[in-house]
PDB file of N, CA and C in Angstrom:
ATOM      1  N   MET A   1      -9.603  49.394 -45.827  1.00  0.00           N
ATOM      2  CA  MET A   1      -8.982  48.535 -46.813  1.00  0.00           C
ATOM      3  C   MET A   1      -8.958  47.095 -46.288  1.00  0.00           C
ATOM      4  N   ALA A   2      -9.250  46.133 -47.121  1.00  0.00           N
ATOM      5  CA  ALA A   2      -9.286  44.728 -46.725  1.00  0.00           C
ATOM      6  C   ALA A   2      -7.877  44.185 -46.559  1.00  0.00           C
ATOM      7  N   SER A   3      -7.701  43.363 -45.546  1.00  0.00           N
ATOM      8  CA  SER A   3      -6.404  42.708 -45.380  1.00  0.00           C
ATOM      9  C   SER A   3      -6.332  41.515 -46.313  1.00  0.00           C
ATOM     10  N   PRO A   4      -5.135  41.014 -46.634  1.00  0.00           N
ATOM     11  CA  PRO A   4      -5.008  39.891 -47.569  1.00  0.00           C
ATOM     12  C   PRO A   4      -5.723  38.626 -47.116  1.00  0.00           C
ATOM     13  N   LYS A   5      -6.036  38.527 -45.847  1.00  0.00           N
ATOM     14  CA  LYS A   5      -6.678  37.315 -45.337  1.00  0.00           C
ATOM     15  C   LYS A   5      -8.198  37.403 -45.389  1.00  0.00           C
ATOM     16  N   ASP A   6      -8.738  38.531 -45.829  1.00  0.00           N
ATOM     17  CA  ASP A   6     -10.186  38.687 -45.915  1.00  0.00           C
ATOM     18  C   ASP A   6     -10.748  37.835 -47.040  1.00  0.00           C
ATOM     19  N   LEU A   7     -11.919  37.277 -46.793  1.00  0.00           N
ATOM     20  CA  LEU A   7     -12.604  36.472 -47.795  1.00  0.00           C
ATOM     21  C   LEU A   7     -13.937  37.114 -48.126  1.00  0.00           C
ATOM     22  N   SER A   8     -14.391  36.897 -49.346  1.00  0.00           N
ATOM     23  CA  SER A   8     -15.692  37.365 -49.790  1.00  0.00           C
ATOM     24  C   SER A   8     -16.465  36.188 -50.344  1.00  0.00           C
ATOM     25  N   ALA A   9     -17.775  36.225 -50.176  1.00  0.00           N
ATOM     26  CA  ALA A   9     -18.643  35.187 -50.722  1.00  0.00           C
ATOM     27  C   ALA A   9     -19.119  35.608 -52.100  1.00  0.00           C
ATOM     28  N   ILE A  10     -19.060  34.678 -53.051  1.00  0.00           N
ATOM     29  CA  ILE A  10     -19.583  34.945 -54.384  1.00  0.00           C
ATOM     30  C   ILE A  10     -20.451  33.771 -54.817  1.00  0.00           C
ATOM     31  N   ASP A  11     -21.452  34.085 -55.611  1.00  0.00           N
ATOM     32  CA  ASP A  11     -22.362  33.076 -56.151  1.00  0.00           C
ATOM     33  C   ASP A  11     -21.971  32.834 -57.604  1.00  0.00           C
ATOM     34  N   LEU A  12     -21.362  31.692 -57.874  1.00  0.00           N
ATOM     35  CA  LEU A  12     -20.926  31.363 -59.226  1.00  0.00           C
ATOM     36  C   LEU A  12     -21.990  30.556 -59.941  1.00  0.00           C
ATOM     37  N   HIS A  13     -22.291  30.969 -61.145  1.00  0.00           N
ATOM     38  CA  HIS A  13     -23.259  30.274 -61.991  1.00  0.00           C
ATOM     39  C   HIS A  13     -22.512  29.410 -62.998  1.00  0.00           C
ATOM     40  N   SER A  14     -23.206  28.541 -63.657  1.00  0.00           N
ATOM     41  CA  SER A  14     -22.603  27.585 -64.595  1.00  0.00           C
ATOM     42  C   SER A  14     -21.658  28.242 -65.585  1.00  0.00           C
ATOM     43  N   GLU A  15     -22.048  29.384 -66.113  1.00  0.00           N
ATOM     44  CA  GLU A  15     -21.214  30.027 -67.125  1.00  0.00           C
ATOM     45  C   GLU A  15     -19.949  30.658 -66.555  1.00  0.00           C
ATOM     46  N   ASP A  16     -19.843  30.763 -65.221  1.00  0.00           N
ATOM     47  CA  ASP A  16     -18.692  31.400 -64.593  1.00  0.00           C
ATOM     48  C   ASP A  16     -17.682  30.434 -63.988  1.00  0.00           C
ATOM     49  N   VAL A  17     -18.009  29.149 -63.917  1.00  0.00           N
ATOM     50  CA  VAL A  17     -17.131  28.216 -63.198  1.00  0.00           C
ATOM     51  C   VAL A  17     -15.729  28.156 -63.800  1.00  0.00           C
ATOM     52  N   GLY A  18     -15.599  28.237 -65.098  1.00  0.00           N
ATOM     53  CA  GLY A  18     -14.284  28.189 -65.730  1.00  0.00           C
ATOM     54  C   GLY A  18     -13.410  29.373 -65.379  1.00  0.00           C
ATOM     55  N   ASP A  19     -14.034  30.518 -65.142  1.00  0.00           N
ATOM     56  CA  ASP A  19     -13.281  31.720 -64.781  1.00  0.00           C
ATOM     57  C   ASP A  19     -12.592  31.580 -63.424  1.00  0.00           C
ATOM     58  N   TYR A  20     -13.156  30.746 -62.569  1.00  0.00           N
ATOM     59  CA  TYR A  20     -12.613  30.576 -61.216  1.00  0.00           C
ATOM     60  C   TYR A  20     -11.961  29.208 -61.011  1.00  0.00           C
ATOM     61  N   ASN A  21     -11.841  28.439 -62.076  1.00  0.00           N
ATOM     62  CA  ASN A  21     -11.192  27.133 -62.022  1.00  0.00           C
ATOM     63  C   ASN A  21     -11.883  26.186 -61.032  1.00  0.00           C
ATOM     64  N   VAL A  22     -13.212  26.175 -61.056  1.00  0.00           N
ATOM     65  CA  VAL A  22     -13.997  25.236 -60.257  1.00  0.00           C
ATOM     66  C   VAL A  22     -14.868  24.430 -61.212  1.00  0.00           C
ATOM     67  N   THR A  23     -15.443  23.342 -60.717  1.00  0.00           N
ATOM     68  CA  THR A  23     -16.176  22.440 -61.604  1.00  0.00           C
ATOM     69  C   THR A  23     -17.686  22.524 -61.487  1.00  0.00           C
ATOM     70  N   GLU A  24     -18.194  23.225 -60.472  1.00  0.00           N
ATOM     71  CA  GLU A  24     -19.646  23.285 -60.322  1.00  0.00           C
ATOM     72  C   GLU A  24     -20.083  24.639 -59.770  1.00  0.00           C
ATOM     73  N   PRO A  25     -21.300  25.037 -60.099  1.00  0.00           N
ATOM     74  CA  PRO A  25     -21.814  26.306 -59.582  1.00  0.00           C
ATOM     75  C   PRO A  25     -22.129  26.207 -58.093  1.00  0.00           C
ATOM     76  N   GLY A  26     -22.228  27.345 -57.451  1.00  0.00           N
ATOM     77  CA  GLY A  26     -22.561  27.401 -56.033  1.00  0.00           C
ATOM     78  C   GLY A  26     -21.923  28.615 -55.395  1.00  0.00           C
ATOM     79  N   TRP A  27     -22.044  28.698 -54.097  1.00  0.00           N
ATOM     80  CA  TRP A  27     -21.432  29.774 -53.324  1.00  0.00           C
ATOM     81  C   TRP A  27     -20.012  29.385 -52.969  1.00  0.00           C
ATOM     82  N   TYR A  28     -19.089  30.324 -53.137  1.00  0.00           N
ATOM     83  CA  TYR A  28     -17.678  30.096 -52.847  1.00  0.00           C
ATOM     84  C   TYR A  28     -17.118  31.261 -52.053  1.00  0.00           C
ATOM     85  N   ALA A  29     -16.106  30.969 -51.234  1.00  0.00           N
ATOM     86  CA  ALA A  29     -15.349  32.019 -50.558  1.00  0.00           C
ATOM     87  C   ALA A  29     -14.083  32.239 -51.371  1.00  0.00           C
ATOM     88  N   VAL A  30     -13.836  33.492 -51.738  1.00  0.00           N
ATOM     89  CA  VAL A  30     -12.641  33.829 -52.499  1.00  0.00           C
ATOM     90  C   VAL A  30     -11.822  34.855 -51.711  1.00  0.00           C
ATOM     91  N   ASN A  31     -10.503  34.796 -51.906  1.00  0.00           N
ATOM     92  CA  ASN A  31      -9.647  35.775 -51.246  1.00  0.00           C
ATOM     93  C   ASN A  31      -9.588  37.042 -52.088  1.00  0.00           C
ATOM     94  N   ASP A  32      -8.832  38.035 -51.620  1.00  0.00           N
ATOM     95  CA  ASP A  32      -8.820  39.317 -52.321  1.00  0.00           C
ATOM     96  C   ASP A  32      -8.108  39.249 -53.674  1.00  0.00           C
ATOM     97  N   ALA A  33      -7.412  38.150 -53.955  1.00  0.00           N
ATOM     98  CA  ALA A  33      -6.780  37.951 -55.260  1.00  0.00           C
ATOM     99  C   ALA A  33      -7.721  37.236 -56.229  1.00  0.00           C
ATOM    100  N   GLY A  34      -8.931  36.876 -55.763  1.00  0.00           N
ATOM    101  CA  GLY A  34      -9.903  36.198 -56.609  1.00  0.00           C
ATOM    102  C   GLY A  34      -9.736  34.692 -56.661  1.00  0.00           C
ATOM    103  N   LYS A  35      -8.905  34.134 -55.777  1.00  0.00           N
ATOM    104  CA  LYS A  35      -8.696  32.689 -55.733  1.00  0.00           C
ATOM    105  C   LYS A  35      -9.726  32.042 -54.812  1.00  0.00           C
ATOM    106  N   VAL A  36     -10.359  30.972 -55.303  1.00  0.00           N
ATOM    107  CA  VAL A  36     -11.334  30.245 -54.494  1.00  0.00           C
ATOM    108  C   VAL A  36     -10.617  29.545 -53.341  1.00  0.00           C
ATOM    109  N   VAL A  37     -11.124  29.758 -52.144  1.00  0.00           N
ATOM    110  CA  VAL A  37     -10.522  29.187 -50.938  1.00  0.00           C
ATOM    111  C   VAL A  37     -11.415  28.105 -50.333  1.00  0.00           C
ATOM    112  N   LEU A  38     -12.730  28.324 -50.362  1.00  0.00           N
ATOM    113  CA  LEU A  38     -13.688  27.379 -49.786  1.00  0.00           C
ATOM    114  C   LEU A  38     -14.883  27.220 -50.708  1.00  0.00           C
ATOM    115  N   GLY A  39     -15.482  26.042 -50.696  1.00  0.00           N
ATOM    116  CA  GLY A  39     -16.714  25.849 -51.446  1.00  0.00           C
ATOM    117  C   GLY A  39     -16.671  24.610 -52.304  1.00  0.00           C
ATOM    118  N   PRO A  40     -17.739  24.295 -52.943  1.00  0.00           N
ATOM    119  CA  PRO A  40     -18.972  25.062 -53.075  1.00  0.00           C
ATOM    120  C   PRO A  40     -19.926  24.818 -51.911  1.00  0.00           C
ATOM    121  N   PHE A  41     -20.790  25.804 -51.710  1.00  0.00           N
ATOM    122  CA  PHE A  41     -21.833  25.726 -50.701  1.00  0.00           C
ATOM    123  C   PHE A  41     -23.176  25.962 -51.381  1.00  0.00           C
ATOM    124  N   THR A  42     -24.237  25.463 -50.779  1.00  0.00           N
ATOM    125  CA  THR A  42     -25.561  25.592 -51.374  1.00  0.00           C
ATOM    126  C   THR A  42     -26.241  26.913 -51.045  1.00  0.00           C
ATOM    127  N   SER A  43     -25.721  27.630 -50.040  1.00  0.00           N
ATOM    128  CA  SER A  43     -26.349  28.896 -49.662  1.00  0.00           C
ATOM    129  C   SER A  43     -25.298  29.890 -49.187  1.00  0.00           C
ATOM    130  N   LEU A  44     -25.678  31.155 -49.212  1.00  0.00           N
ATOM    131  CA  LEU A  44     -24.807  32.207 -48.697  1.00  0.00           C
ATOM    132  C   LEU A  44     -24.546  31.996 -47.211  1.00  0.00           C
ATOM    133  N   ALA A  45     -25.564  31.626 -46.469  1.00  0.00           N
ATOM    134  CA  ALA A  45     -25.413  31.420 -45.023  1.00  0.00           C
ATOM    135  C   ALA A  45     -24.381  30.330 -44.729  1.00  0.00           C
ATOM    136  N   GLU A  46     -24.433  29.240 -45.479  1.00  0.00           N
ATOM    137  CA  GLU A  46     -23.479  28.145 -45.292  1.00  0.00           C
ATOM    138  C   GLU A  46     -22.060  28.615 -45.606  1.00  0.00           C
ATOM    139  N   CYS A  47     -21.906  29.390 -46.655  1.00  0.00           N
ATOM    140  CA  CYS A  47     -20.599  29.915 -47.043  1.00  0.00           C
ATOM    141  C   CYS A  47     -20.061  30.867 -45.968  1.00  0.00           C
ATOM    142  N   GLU A  48     -20.911  31.752 -45.477  1.00  0.00           N
ATOM    143  CA  GLU A  48     -20.483  32.692 -44.446  1.00  0.00           C
ATOM    144  C   GLU A  48     -20.094  31.984 -43.156  1.00  0.00           C
ATOM    145  N   ARG A  49     -20.808  30.916 -42.798  1.00  0.00           N
ATOM    146  CA  ARG A  49     -20.444  30.119 -41.611  1.00  0.00           C
ATOM    147  C   ARG A  49     -19.056  29.523 -41.784  1.00  0.00           C
ATOM    148  N   ALA A  50     -18.784  28.979 -42.960  1.00  0.00           N
ATOM    149  CA  ALA A  50     -17.481  28.371 -43.225  1.00  0.00           C
ATOM    150  C   ALA A  50     -16.373  29.420 -43.169  1.00  0.00           C
ATOM    151  N   MET A  51     -16.645  30.621 -43.665  1.00  0.00           N
ATOM    152  CA  MET A  51     -15.640  31.680 -43.604  1.00  0.00           C
ATOM    153  C   MET A  51     -15.365  32.088 -42.153  1.00  0.00           C
ATOM    154  N   ARG A  52     -16.424  32.199 -41.343  1.00  0.00           N
ATOM    155  CA  ARG A  52     -16.236  32.529 -39.922  1.00  0.00           C
ATOM    156  C   ARG A  52     -15.449  31.428 -39.214  1.00  0.00           C
ATOM    157  N   ASP A  53     -15.804  30.166 -39.482  1.00  0.00           N
ATOM    158  CA  ASP A  53     -15.090  29.054 -38.860  1.00  0.00           C
ATOM    159  C   ASP A  53     -13.614  29.045 -39.251  1.00  0.00           C
ATOM    160  N   ARG A  54     -13.346  29.301 -40.520  1.00  0.00           N
ATOM    161  CA  ARG A  54     -11.948  29.319 -40.987  1.00  0.00           C
ATOM    162  C   ARG A  54     -11.177  30.448 -40.310  1.00  0.00           C
ATOM    163  N   LYS A  55     -11.814  31.613 -40.208  1.00  0.00           N
ATOM    164  CA  LYS A  55     -11.154  32.751 -39.565  1.00  0.00           C
ATOM    165  C   LYS A  55     -10.865  32.438 -38.099  1.00  0.00           C
ATOM    166  N   ARG A  56     -11.815  31.815 -37.432  1.00  0.00           N
ATOM    167  CA  ARG A  56     -11.638  31.463 -36.016  1.00  0.00           C
ATOM    168  C   ARG A  56     -10.520  30.434 -35.852  1.00  0.00           C
ATOM    169  N   MET A  57     -10.448  29.458 -36.756  1.00  0.00           N
ATOM    170  CA  MET A  57      -9.436  28.401 -36.643  1.00  0.00           C
ATOM    171  C   MET A  57      -8.033  28.898 -36.991  1.00  0.00           C
ATOM    172  N   THR A  58      -7.930  29.846 -37.915  1.00  0.00           N
ATOM    173  CA  THR A  58      -6.609  30.346 -38.317  1.00  0.00           C
ATOM    174  C   THR A  58      -6.160  31.537 -37.490  1.00  0.00           C
ATOM    175  N   GLY A  59      -7.078  32.095 -36.715  1.00  0.00           N
ATOM    176  CA  GLY A  59      -6.740  33.245 -35.898  1.00  0.00           C
ATOM    177  C   GLY A  59      -6.576  34.518 -36.697  1.00  0.00           C
ATOM    178  N   ALA A  60      -7.107  34.513 -37.907  1.00  0.00           N
ATOM    179  CA  ALA A  60      -6.977  35.700 -38.770  1.00  0.00           C
ATOM    180  C   ALA A  60      -7.903  36.800 -38.344  1.00  0.00           C
TER     181      ALA A  60
END
């Protein structure tokens, strides 16, 4: 089971930005509640790096 601090990467397209309350498409890190935490990023790799960096900095 995922802990509340776990993040997932999602690729949001133009038609989905309103659902996540963001203004542009791209890769985003979302928490388990579906709230955008980081982004947008141009690639999955960039998003995953940011999630690892955030986890390392917060000690999660």
